[in-house]
Amino acid sequence: RGQPRKFSPAQLYRTSLLALLTPAHSFNLLVALLPENKSWRSFAR
């Protein structure tokens, strides 16, 4: 038991893949650009 997960492992995996599939090659930049990119959020579910 513990805190419920905010995101599923698949969502985190897909979000991590975005660092490879998009011009945002760092997690910090990816997190900063993610709110404005609907297609990226859709890919990451």
All heavy atoms as atom14 arrays in JSON, in Angstrom:
{
  "sequence": "RGQPRKFSPAQLYRTSLLALLTPAHSFNLLVALLPENKSWRSFAR",
  "atom14_mask": [
    [1, 1, 1, 1, 1, 1, 1, 1, 1, 1, 1, 0, 0, 0],
    [1, 1, 1, 1, 0, 0, 0, 0, 0, 0, 0, 0, 0, 0],
    [1, 1, 1, 1, 1, 1, 1, 1, 1, 0, 0, 0, 0, 0],
    [1, 1, 1, 1, 1, 1, 1, 0, 0, 0, 0, 0, 0, 0],
    [1, 1, 1, 1, 1, 1, 1, 1, 1, 1, 1, 0, 0, 0],
    [1, 1, 1, 1, 1, 1, 1, 1, 1, 0, 0, 0, 0, 0],
    [1, 1, 1, 1, 1, 1, 1, 1, 1, 1, 1, 0, 0, 0],
    [1, 1, 1, 1, 1, 1, 0, 0, 0, 0, 0, 0, 0, 0],
    [1, 1, 1, 1, 1, 1, 1, 0, 0, 0, 0, 0, 0, 0],
    [1, 1, 1, 1, 1, 0, 0, 0, 0, 0, 0, 0, 0, 0],
    [1, 1, 1, 1, 1, 1, 1, 1, 1, 0, 0, 0, 0, 0],
    [1, 1, 1, 1, 1, 1, 1, 1, 0, 0, 0, 0, 0, 0],
    [1, 1, 1, 1, 1, 1, 1, 1, 1, 1, 1, 1, 0, 0],
    [1, 1, 1, 1, 1, 1, 1, 1, 1, 1, 1, 0, 0, 0],
    [1, 1, 1, 1, 1, 1, 1, 0, 0, 0, 0, 0, 0, 0],
    [1, 1, 1, 1, 1, 1, 0, 0, 0, 0, 0, 0, 0, 0],
    [1, 1, 1, 1, 1, 1, 1, 1, 0, 0, 0, 0, 0, 0],
    [1, 1, 1, 1, 1, 1, 1, 1, 0, 0, 0, 0, 0, 0],
    [1, 1, 1, 1, 1, 0, 0, 0, 0, 0, 0, 0, 0, 0],
    [1, 1, 1, 1, 1, 1, 1, 1, 0, 0, 0, 0, 0, 0],
    [1, 1, 1, 1, 1, 1, 1, 1, 0, 0, 0, 0, 0, 0],
    [1, 1, 1, 1, 1, 1, 1, 0, 0, 0, 0, 0, 0, 0],
    [1, 1, 1, 1, 1, 1, 1, 0, 0, 0, 0, 0, 0, 0],
    [1, 1, 1, 1, 1, 0, 0, 0, 0, 0, 0, 0, 0, 0],
    [1, 1, 1, 1, 1, 1, 1, 1, 1, 1, 0, 0, 0, 0],
    [1, 1, 1, 1, 1, 1, 0, 0, 0, 0, 0, 0, 0, 0],
    [1, 1, 1, 1, 1, 1, 1, 1, 1, 1, 1, 0, 0, 0],
    [1, 1, 1, 1, 1, 1, 1, 1, 0, 0, 0, 0, 0, 0],
    [1, 1, 1, 1, 1, 1, 1, 1, 0, 0, 0, 0, 0, 0],
    [1, 1, 1, 1, 1, 1, 1, 1, 0, 0, 0, 0, 0, 0],
    [1, 1, 1, 1, 1, 1, 1, 0, 0, 0, 0, 0, 0, 0],
    [1, 1, 1, 1, 1, 0, 0, 0, 0, 0, 0, 0, 0, 0],
    [1, 1, 1, 1, 1, 1, 1, 1, 0, 0, 0, 0, 0, 0],
    [1, 1, 1, 1, 1, 1, 1, 1, 0, 0, 0, 0, 0, 0],
    [1, 1, 1, 1, 1, 1, 1, 0, 0, 0, 0, 0, 0, 0],
    [1, 1, 1, 1, 1, 1, 1, 1, 1, 0, 0, 0, 0, 0],
    [1, 1, 1, 1, 1, 1, 1, 1, 0, 0, 0, 0, 0, 0],
    [1, 1, 1, 1, 1, 1, 1, 1, 1, 0, 0, 0, 0, 0],
    [1, 1, 1, 1, 1, 1, 0, 0, 0, 0, 0, 0, 0, 0],
    [1, 1, 1, 1, 1, 1, 1, 1, 1, 1, 1, 1, 1, 1],
    [1, 1, 1, 1, 1, 1, 1, 1, 1, 1, 1, 0, 0, 0],
    [1, 1, 1, 1, 1, 1, 0, 0, 0, 0, 0, 0, 0, 0],
    [1, 1, 1, 1, 1, 1, 1, 1, 1, 1, 1, 0, 0, 0],
    [1, 1, 1, 1, 1, 0, 0, 0, 0, 0, 0, 0, 0, 0],
    [1, 1, 1, 1, 1, 1, 1, 1, 1, 1, 1, 0, 0, 0]
  ],
  "atom14_positions": [
    [[0.85, -1.17, 0.0], [0.0, 0.0, 0.0], [0.89, 1.23, 0.0], [2.02, 1.2, 0.42], [-0.9, 0.0, 1.21], [-1.88, -1.14, 1.18], [-2.98, -0.89, 2.17], [-3.9, -2.01, 2.11], [-5.11, -1.91, 1.63], [-5.56, -0.78, 1.19], [-5.9, -2.96, 1.6], [0.0, 0.0, 0.0], [0.0, 0.0, 0.0], [0.0, 0.0, 0.0]],
    [[0.35, 2.29, -0.49], [1.1, 3.54, -0.54], [0.29, 4.54, -1.33], [-0.91, 4.39, -1.55], [0.0, 0.0, 0.0], [0.0, 0.0, 0.0], [0.0, 0.0, 0.0], [0.0, 0.0, 0.0], [0.0, 0.0, 0.0], [0.0, 0.0, 0.0], [0.0, 0.0, 0.0], [0.0, 0.0, 0.0], [0.0, 0.0, 0.0], [0.0, 0.0, 0.0]],
    [[0.98, 5.56, -1.76], [0.3, 6.58, -2.54], [-0.11, 6.0, -3.89], [0.65, 5.26, -4.51], [1.23, 7.76, -2.78], [1.42, 8.64, -1.59], [2.25, 9.86, -1.96], [3.12, 9.8, -2.82], [1.97, 10.96, -1.3], [0.0, 0.0, 0.0], [0.0, 0.0, 0.0], [0.0, 0.0, 0.0], [0.0, 0.0, 0.0], [0.0, 0.0, 0.0]],
    [[-1.3, 6.34, -4.34], [-1.68, 5.9, -5.68], [-0.83, 6.62, -6.72], [-0.41, 7.77, -6.52], [-3.15, 6.3, -5.8], [-3.37, 7.31, -4.74], [-2.35, 7.08, -3.67], [0.0, 0.0, 0.0], [0.0, 0.0, 0.0], [0.0, 0.0, 0.0], [0.0, 0.0, 0.0], [0.0, 0.0, 0.0], [0.0, 0.0, 0.0], [0.0, 0.0, 0.0]],
    [[-0.57, 5.95, -7.79], [0.25, 6.54, -8.85], [-0.54, 7.62, -9.58], [-1.72, 7.47, -9.86], [0.64, 5.46, -9.86], [1.59, 4.46, -9.3], [1.96, 3.49, -10.39], [2.93, 2.54, -9.89], [3.08, 1.33, -10.37], [2.32, 0.92, -11.37], [3.99, 0.53, -9.89], [0.0, 0.0, 0.0], [0.0, 0.0, 0.0], [0.0, 0.0, 0.0]],
    [[0.15, 8.7, -9.9], [-0.49, 9.76, -10.66], [-0.54, 9.41, -12.14], [-1.44, 9.82, -12.85], [0.28, 11.07, -10.47], [0.22, 11.62, -9.07], [0.99, 12.9, -8.95], [0.94, 13.43, -7.53], [1.68, 14.67, -7.37], [0.0, 0.0, 0.0], [0.0, 0.0, 0.0], [0.0, 0.0, 0.0], [0.0, 0.0, 0.0], [0.0, 0.0, 0.0]],
    [[0.47, 8.64, -12.59], [0.57, 8.27, -14.0], [0.91, 6.79, -14.09], [1.65, 6.26, -13.26], [1.65, 9.1, -14.7], [1.45, 10.58, -14.57], [2.14, 11.31, -13.64], [0.53, 11.22, -15.38], [1.95, 12.67, -13.5], [0.31, 12.59, -15.25], [1.02, 13.3, -14.31], [0.0, 0.0, 0.0], [0.0, 0.0, 0.0], [0.0, 0.0, 0.0]],
    [[0.37, 6.14, -15.1], [0.67, 4.73, -15.31], [2.08, 4.59, -15.89], [2.61, 5.53, -16.49], [-0.36, 4.11, -16.26], [-0.13, 4.58, -17.58], [0.0, 0.0, 0.0], [0.0, 0.0, 0.0], [0.0, 0.0, 0.0], [0.0, 0.0, 0.0], [0.0, 0.0, 0.0], [0.0, 0.0, 0.0], [0.0, 0.0, 0.0], [0.0, 0.0, 0.0]],
    [[2.7, 3.41, -15.74], [4.0, 3.2, -16.36], [3.99, 3.42, -17.87], [4.95, 3.94, -18.43], [4.33, 1.75, -16.01], [3.58, 1.49, -14.75], [2.32, 2.29, -14.88], [0.0, 0.0, 0.0], [0.0, 0.0, 0.0], [0.0, 0.0, 0.0], [0.0, 0.0, 0.0], [0.0, 0.0, 0.0], [0.0, 0.0, 0.0], [0.0, 0.0, 0.0]],
    [[2.89, 3.06, -18.53], [2.8, 3.27, -19.98], [2.81, 4.75, -20.32], [3.43, 5.16, -21.31], [1.55, 2.6, -20.53], [0.0, 0.0, 0.0], [0.0, 0.0, 0.0], [0.0, 0.0, 0.0], [0.0, 0.0, 0.0], [0.0, 0.0, 0.0], [0.0, 0.0, 0.0], [0.0, 0.0, 0.0], [0.0, 0.0, 0.0], [0.0, 0.0, 0.0]],
    [[2.13, 5.56, -19.51], [2.13, 7.0, -19.75], [3.54, 7.58, -19.58], [3.99, 8.41, -20.37], [1.17, 7.71, -18.81], [-0.28, 7.52, -19.13], [-1.17, 8.15, -18.08], [-0.99, 7.93, -16.87], [-2.15, 8.93, -18.53], [0.0, 0.0, 0.0], [0.0, 0.0, 0.0], [0.0, 0.0, 0.0], [0.0, 0.0, 0.0], [0.0, 0.0, 0.0]],
    [[4.24, 7.13, -18.55], [5.6, 7.61, -18.31], [6.55, 7.13, -19.41], [7.45, 7.86, -19.83], [6.08, 7.17, -16.93], [5.34, 7.8, -15.75], [5.76, 7.16, -14.45], [5.55, 9.3, -15.72], [0.0, 0.0, 0.0], [0.0, 0.0, 0.0], [0.0, 0.0, 0.0], [0.0, 0.0, 0.0], [0.0, 0.0, 0.0], [0.0, 0.0, 0.0]],
    [[6.36, 5.91, -19.89], [7.17, 5.37, -20.98], [6.95, 6.19, -22.25], [7.9, 6.58, -22.92], [6.82, 3.9, -21.21], [7.6, 3.24, -22.33], [8.89, 2.8, -22.12], [7.03, 3.07, -23.58], [9.61, 2.2, -23.14], [7.74, 2.47, -24.6], [9.03, 2.03, -24.38], [9.74, 1.44, -25.4], [0.0, 0.0, 0.0], [0.0, 0.0, 0.0]],
    [[5.7, 6.45, -22.56], [5.38, 7.25, -23.76], [5.93, 8.67, -23.63], [6.45, 9.23, -24.59], [3.86, 7.29, -23.97], [3.28, 6.02, -24.52], [1.76, 6.06, -24.53], [1.2, 4.95, -25.25], [0.9, 4.96, -26.54], [1.11, 6.04, -27.26], [0.39, 3.9, -27.12], [0.0, 0.0, 0.0], [0.0, 0.0, 0.0], [0.0, 0.0, 0.0]],
    [[5.83, 9.26, -22.44], [6.37, 10.6, -22.24], [7.89, 10.59, -22.38], [8.47, 11.5, -22.98], [5.96, 11.14, -20.85], [4.55, 11.05, -20.71], [6.39, 12.59, -20.68], [0.0, 0.0, 0.0], [0.0, 0.0, 0.0], [0.0, 0.0, 0.0], [0.0, 0.0, 0.0], [0.0, 0.0, 0.0], [0.0, 0.0, 0.0], [0.0, 0.0, 0.0]],
    [[8.53, 9.55, -21.88], [9.98, 9.42, -22.05], [10.36, 9.27, -23.52], [11.38, 9.8, -23.96], [10.5, 8.22, -21.27], [10.24, 8.35, -19.9], [0.0, 0.0, 0.0], [0.0, 0.0, 0.0], [0.0, 0.0, 0.0], [0.0, 0.0, 0.0], [0.0, 0.0, 0.0], [0.0, 0.0, 0.0], [0.0, 0.0, 0.0], [0.0, 0.0, 0.0]],
    [[9.53, 8.56, -24.28], [9.8, 8.41, -25.71], [9.74, 9.74, -26.45], [10.43, 9.93, -27.45], [8.79, 7.45, -26.34], [9.07, 5.97, -26.24], [7.96, 5.18, -26.93], [10.41, 5.61, -26.8], [0.0, 0.0, 0.0], [0.0, 0.0, 0.0], [0.0, 0.0, 0.0], [0.0, 0.0, 0.0], [0.0, 0.0, 0.0], [0.0, 0.0, 0.0]],
    [[8.94, 10.65, -25.94], [8.84, 11.96, -26.59], [10.19, 12.69, -26.61], [10.45, 13.48, -27.51], [7.79, 12.82, -25.9], [6.34, 12.44, -26.19], [5.4, 13.23, -25.29], [6.0, 12.67, -27.65], [0.0, 0.0, 0.0], [0.0, 0.0, 0.0], [0.0, 0.0, 0.0], [0.0, 0.0, 0.0], [0.0, 0.0, 0.0], [0.0, 0.0, 0.0]],
    [[11.04, 12.42, -25.63], [12.37, 13.03, -25.62], [13.21, 12.53, -26.8], [14.14, 13.21, -27.23], [13.08, 12.75, -24.31], [0.0, 0.0, 0.0], [0.0, 0.0, 0.0], [0.0, 0.0, 0.0], [0.0, 0.0, 0.0], [0.0, 0.0, 0.0], [0.0, 0.0, 0.0], [0.0, 0.0, 0.0], [0.0, 0.0, 0.0], [0.0, 0.0, 0.0]],
    [[12.87, 11.37, -27.33], [13.58, 10.82, -28.49], [12.91, 11.17, -29.8], [13.57, 11.31, -30.83], [13.66, 9.29, -28.38], [14.36, 8.72, -27.16], [14.17, 7.23, -27.1], [15.83, 9.1, -27.15], [0.0, 0.0, 0.0], [0.0, 0.0, 0.0], [0.0, 0.0, 0.0], [0.0, 0.0, 0.0], [0.0, 0.0, 0.0], [0.0, 0.0, 0.0]],
    [[11.6, 11.32, -29.78], [10.83, 11.5, -31.0], [10.54, 12.96, -31.35], [9.97, 13.22, -32.41], [9.5, 10.75, -30.89], [9.6, 9.24, -30.71], [8.22, 8.66, -30.43], [10.23, 8.61, -31.93], [0.0, 0.0, 0.0], [0.0, 0.0, 0.0], [0.0, 0.0, 0.0], [0.0, 0.0, 0.0], [0.0, 0.0, 0.0], [0.0, 0.0, 0.0]],
    [[10.9, 13.86, -30.47], [10.63, 15.28, -30.71], [11.93, 16.07, -30.58], [12.93, 15.54, -30.09], [9.61, 15.81, -29.67], [10.2, 15.72, -28.37], [8.31, 15.04, -29.72], [0.0, 0.0, 0.0], [0.0, 0.0, 0.0], [0.0, 0.0, 0.0], [0.0, 0.0, 0.0], [0.0, 0.0, 0.0], [0.0, 0.0, 0.0], [0.0, 0.0, 0.0]],
    [[11.9, 17.32, -30.97], [13.11, 18.15, -30.8], [13.46, 18.47, -29.35], [14.55, 18.94, -29.08], [12.77, 19.44, -31.55], [11.66, 19.09, -32.46], [10.9, 17.99, -31.81], [0.0, 0.0, 0.0], [0.0, 0.0, 0.0], [0.0, 0.0, 0.0], [0.0, 0.0, 0.0], [0.0, 0.0, 0.0], [0.0, 0.0, 0.0], [0.0, 0.0, 0.0]],
    [[12.59, 18.19, -28.42], [12.87, 18.42, -26.99], [13.64, 17.21, -26.46], [13.05, 16.21, -26.1], [11.56, 18.59, -26.23], [0.0, 0.0, 0.0], [0.0, 0.0, 0.0], [0.0, 0.0, 0.0], [0.0, 0.0, 0.0], [0.0, 0.0, 0.0], [0.0, 0.0, 0.0], [0.0, 0.0, 0.0], [0.0, 0.0, 0.0], [0.0, 0.0, 0.0]],
    [[14.95, 17.32, -26.42], [15.78, 16.17, -26.08], [16.16, 16.08, -24.61], [16.95, 15.23, -24.23], [17.05, 16.17, -26.93], [16.76, 15.97, -28.38], [16.09, 14.88, -28.87], [17.02, 16.74, -29.45], [15.97, 14.97, -30.18], [16.52, 16.11, -30.56], [0.0, 0.0, 0.0], [0.0, 0.0, 0.0], [0.0, 0.0, 0.0], [0.0, 0.0, 0.0]],
    [[15.61, 16.93, -23.77], [15.83, 16.8, -22.33], [14.46, 16.76, -21.65], [13.48, 17.31, -22.16], [16.66, 17.97, -21.8], [15.89, 19.16, -21.79], [0.0, 0.0, 0.0], [0.0, 0.0, 0.0], [0.0, 0.0, 0.0], [0.0, 0.0, 0.0], [0.0, 0.0, 0.0], [0.0, 0.0, 0.0], [0.0, 0.0, 0.0], [0.0, 0.0, 0.0]],
    [[14.43, 16.12, -20.49], [13.16, 16.03, -19.77], [12.68, 17.41, -19.31], [11.49, 17.68, -19.31], [13.28, 15.08, -18.57], [13.36, 13.63, -18.96], [14.03, 12.73, -18.16], [12.78, 13.15, -20.12], [14.1, 11.39, -18.49], [12.85, 11.82, -20.47], [13.51, 10.93, -19.64], [0.0, 0.0, 0.0], [0.0, 0.0, 0.0], [0.0, 0.0, 0.0]],
    [[13.6, 18.28, -18.92], [13.21, 19.61, -18.48], [12.53, 20.39, -19.61], [11.49, 21.02, -19.41], [14.42, 20.39, -17.96], [14.91, 19.86, -16.63], [14.13, 19.35, -15.84], [16.2, 19.97, -16.39], [0.0, 0.0, 0.0], [0.0, 0.0, 0.0], [0.0, 0.0, 0.0], [0.0, 0.0, 0.0], [0.0, 0.0, 0.0], [0.0, 0.0, 0.0]],
    [[13.13, 20.34, -20.79], [12.54, 21.04, -21.94], [11.22, 20.38, -22.35], [10.25, 21.07, -22.67], [13.52, 21.05, -23.11], [13.07, 21.77, -24.37], [12.74, 23.23, -24.07], [14.14, 21.67, -25.44], [0.0, 0.0, 0.0], [0.0, 0.0, 0.0], [0.0, 0.0, 0.0], [0.0, 0.0, 0.0], [0.0, 0.0, 0.0], [0.0, 0.0, 0.0]],
    [[11.17, 19.07, -22.31], [9.95, 18.35, -22.66], [8.8, 18.75, -21.74], [7.69, 19.03, -22.21], [10.2, 16.84, -22.59], [9.01, 15.94, -22.89], [8.59, 16.08, -24.34], [9.35, 14.5, -22.56], [0.0, 0.0, 0.0], [0.0, 0.0, 0.0], [0.0, 0.0, 0.0], [0.0, 0.0, 0.0], [0.0, 0.0, 0.0], [0.0, 0.0, 0.0]],
    [[9.06, 18.79, -20.45], [8.03, 19.16, -19.48], [7.58, 20.61, -19.69], [6.4, 20.92, -19.54], [8.55, 18.93, -18.04], [7.64, 19.56, -17.01], [8.71, 17.44, -17.78], [0.0, 0.0, 0.0], [0.0, 0.0, 0.0], [0.0, 0.0, 0.0], [0.0, 0.0, 0.0], [0.0, 0.0, 0.0], [0.0, 0.0, 0.0], [0.0, 0.0, 0.0]],
    [[8.5, 21.47, -20.08], [8.13, 22.87, -20.33], [7.26, 23.02, -21.57], [6.37, 23.87, -21.62], [9.39, 23.72, -20.46], [0.0, 0.0, 0.0], [0.0, 0.0, 0.0], [0.0, 0.0, 0.0], [0.0, 0.0, 0.0], [0.0, 0.0, 0.0], [0.0, 0.0, 0.0], [0.0, 0.0, 0.0], [0.0, 0.0, 0.0], [0.0, 0.0, 0.0]],
    [[7.51, 22.19, -22.6], [6.77, 22.31, -23.86], [5.51, 21.46, -23.92], [4.65, 21.68, -24.77], [7.69, 21.92, -25.03], [8.9, 22.82, -25.26], [9.77, 22.25, -26.37], [8.47, 24.24, -25.59], [0.0, 0.0, 0.0], [0.0, 0.0, 0.0], [0.0, 0.0, 0.0], [0.0, 0.0, 0.0], [0.0, 0.0, 0.0], [0.0, 0.0, 0.0]],
    [[5.4, 20.49, -23.04], [4.27, 19.56, -23.09], [2.89, 20.2, -22.97], [1.98, 19.84, -23.71], [4.47, 18.49, -22.01], [3.86, 17.12, -22.23], [4.22, 16.56, -23.59], [4.31, 16.16, -21.14], [0.0, 0.0, 0.0], [0.0, 0.0, 0.0], [0.0, 0.0, 0.0], [0.0, 0.0, 0.0], [0.0, 0.0, 0.0], [0.0, 0.0, 0.0]],
    [[2.67, 21.19, -22.11], [1.33, 21.79, -22.03], [0.85, 22.44, -23.32], [-0.35, 22.46, -23.59], [1.47, 22.83, -20.91], [2.59, 22.36, -20.08], [3.54, 21.69, -21.04], [0.0, 0.0, 0.0], [0.0, 0.0, 0.0], [0.0, 0.0, 0.0], [0.0, 0.0, 0.0], [0.0, 0.0, 0.0], [0.0, 0.0, 0.0], [0.0, 0.0, 0.0]],
    [[1.76, 22.96, -24.13], [1.37, 23.64, -25.37], [1.22, 22.71, -26.57], [0.71, 23.12, -27.6], [2.39, 24.73, -25.72], [2.25, 25.99, -24.9], [2.84, 25.83, -23.5], [3.86, 25.12, -23.39], [2.28, 26.38, -22.55], [0.0, 0.0, 0.0], [0.0, 0.0, 0.0], [0.0, 0.0, 0.0], [0.0, 0.0, 0.0], [0.0, 0.0, 0.0]],
    [[1.69, 21.47, -26.46], [1.65, 20.54, -27.59], [0.61, 19.44, -27.36], [0.89, 18.44, -26.7], [3.03, 19.91, -27.81], [4.0, 20.9, -28.38], [3.81, 21.36, -29.49], [5.02, 21.24, -27.61], [0.0, 0.0, 0.0], [0.0, 0.0, 0.0], [0.0, 0.0, 0.0], [0.0, 0.0, 0.0], [0.0, 0.0, 0.0], [0.0, 0.0, 0.0]],
    [[-0.56, 19.65, -27.9], [-1.66, 18.71, -27.71], [-1.35, 17.34, -28.31], [-1.68, 16.31, -27.73], [-2.94, 19.27, -28.34], [-4.15, 18.42, -28.07], [-5.41, 19.05, -28.6], [-6.59, 18.16, -28.25], [-7.85, 18.76, -28.66], [0.0, 0.0, 0.0], [0.0, 0.0, 0.0], [0.0, 0.0, 0.0], [0.0, 0.0, 0.0], [0.0, 0.0, 0.0]],
    [[-0.68, 17.3, -29.47], [-0.36, 16.02, -30.09], [0.63, 15.22, -29.25], [0.56, 14.0, -29.19], [0.18, 16.22, -31.51], [1.39, 16.93, -31.49], [0.0, 0.0, 0.0], [0.0, 0.0, 0.0], [0.0, 0.0, 0.0], [0.0, 0.0, 0.0], [0.0, 0.0, 0.0], [0.0, 0.0, 0.0], [0.0, 0.0, 0.0], [0.0, 0.0, 0.0]],
    [[1.55, 15.91, -28.58], [2.49, 15.23, -27.7], [1.75, 14.65, -26.5], [2.0, 13.5, -26.11], [3.58, 16.17, -27.21], [4.5, 16.68, -28.27], [4.4, 16.52, -29.62], [5.67, 17.47, -28.07], [5.43, 17.15, -30.26], [6.23, 17.75, -29.34], [6.29, 17.98, -26.94], [7.39, 18.49, -29.49], [7.45, 18.72, -27.1], [7.99, 18.97, -28.36]],
    [[0.85, 15.42, -25.91], [0.08, 14.92, -24.77], [-0.82, 13.76, -25.19], [-1.01, 12.81, -24.44], [-0.77, 16.05, -24.16], [0.03, 17.08, -23.4], [-0.85, 18.01, -22.56], [-2.09, 18.41, -23.2], [-2.24, 19.46, -23.99], [-1.2, 20.23, -24.27], [-3.4, 19.76, -24.51], [0.0, 0.0, 0.0], [0.0, 0.0, 0.0], [0.0, 0.0, 0.0]],
    [[-1.37, 13.85, -26.38], [-2.22, 12.78, -26.88], [-1.41, 11.49, -27.06], [-1.87, 10.41, -26.72], [-2.86, 13.21, -28.2], [-3.6, 12.16, -28.76], [0.0, 0.0, 0.0], [0.0, 0.0, 0.0], [0.0, 0.0, 0.0], [0.0, 0.0, 0.0], [0.0, 0.0, 0.0], [0.0, 0.0, 0.0], [0.0, 0.0, 0.0], [0.0, 0.0, 0.0]],
    [[-0.2, 11.62, -27.6], [0.68, 10.46, -27.77], [1.0, 9.83, -26.41], [1.0, 8.6, -26.27], [1.97, 10.87, -28.48], [2.98, 9.78, -28.57], [2.88, 8.8, -29.55], [4.04, 9.72, -27.68], [3.81, 7.79, -29.64], [4.98, 8.7, -27.76], [4.87, 7.74, -28.74], [0.0, 0.0, 0.0], [0.0, 0.0, 0.0], [0.0, 0.0, 0.0]],
    [[1.25, 10.67, -25.41], [1.59, 10.17, -24.08], [0.37, 9.77, -23.27], [0.49, 9.32, -22.14], [2.39, 11.23, -23.33], [0.0, 0.0, 0.0], [0.0, 0.0, 0.0], [0.0, 0.0, 0.0], [0.0, 0.0, 0.0], [0.0, 0.0, 0.0], [0.0, 0.0, 0.0], [0.0, 0.0, 0.0], [0.0, 0.0, 0.0], [0.0, 0.0, 0.0]],
    [[-0.82, 9.95, -23.85], [-2.09, 9.63, -23.19], [-2.28, 10.43, -21.9], [-2.77, 9.91, -20.9], [-2.21, 8.13, -22.92], [-1.96, 7.26, -24.15], [-3.22, 6.67, -24.65], [-3.09, 6.11, -25.99], [-2.9, 4.83, -26.28], [-2.83, 3.95, -25.31], [-2.83, 4.43, -27.53], [0.0, 0.0, 0.0], [0.0, 0.0, 0.0], [0.0, 0.0, 0.0]]
  ]
}
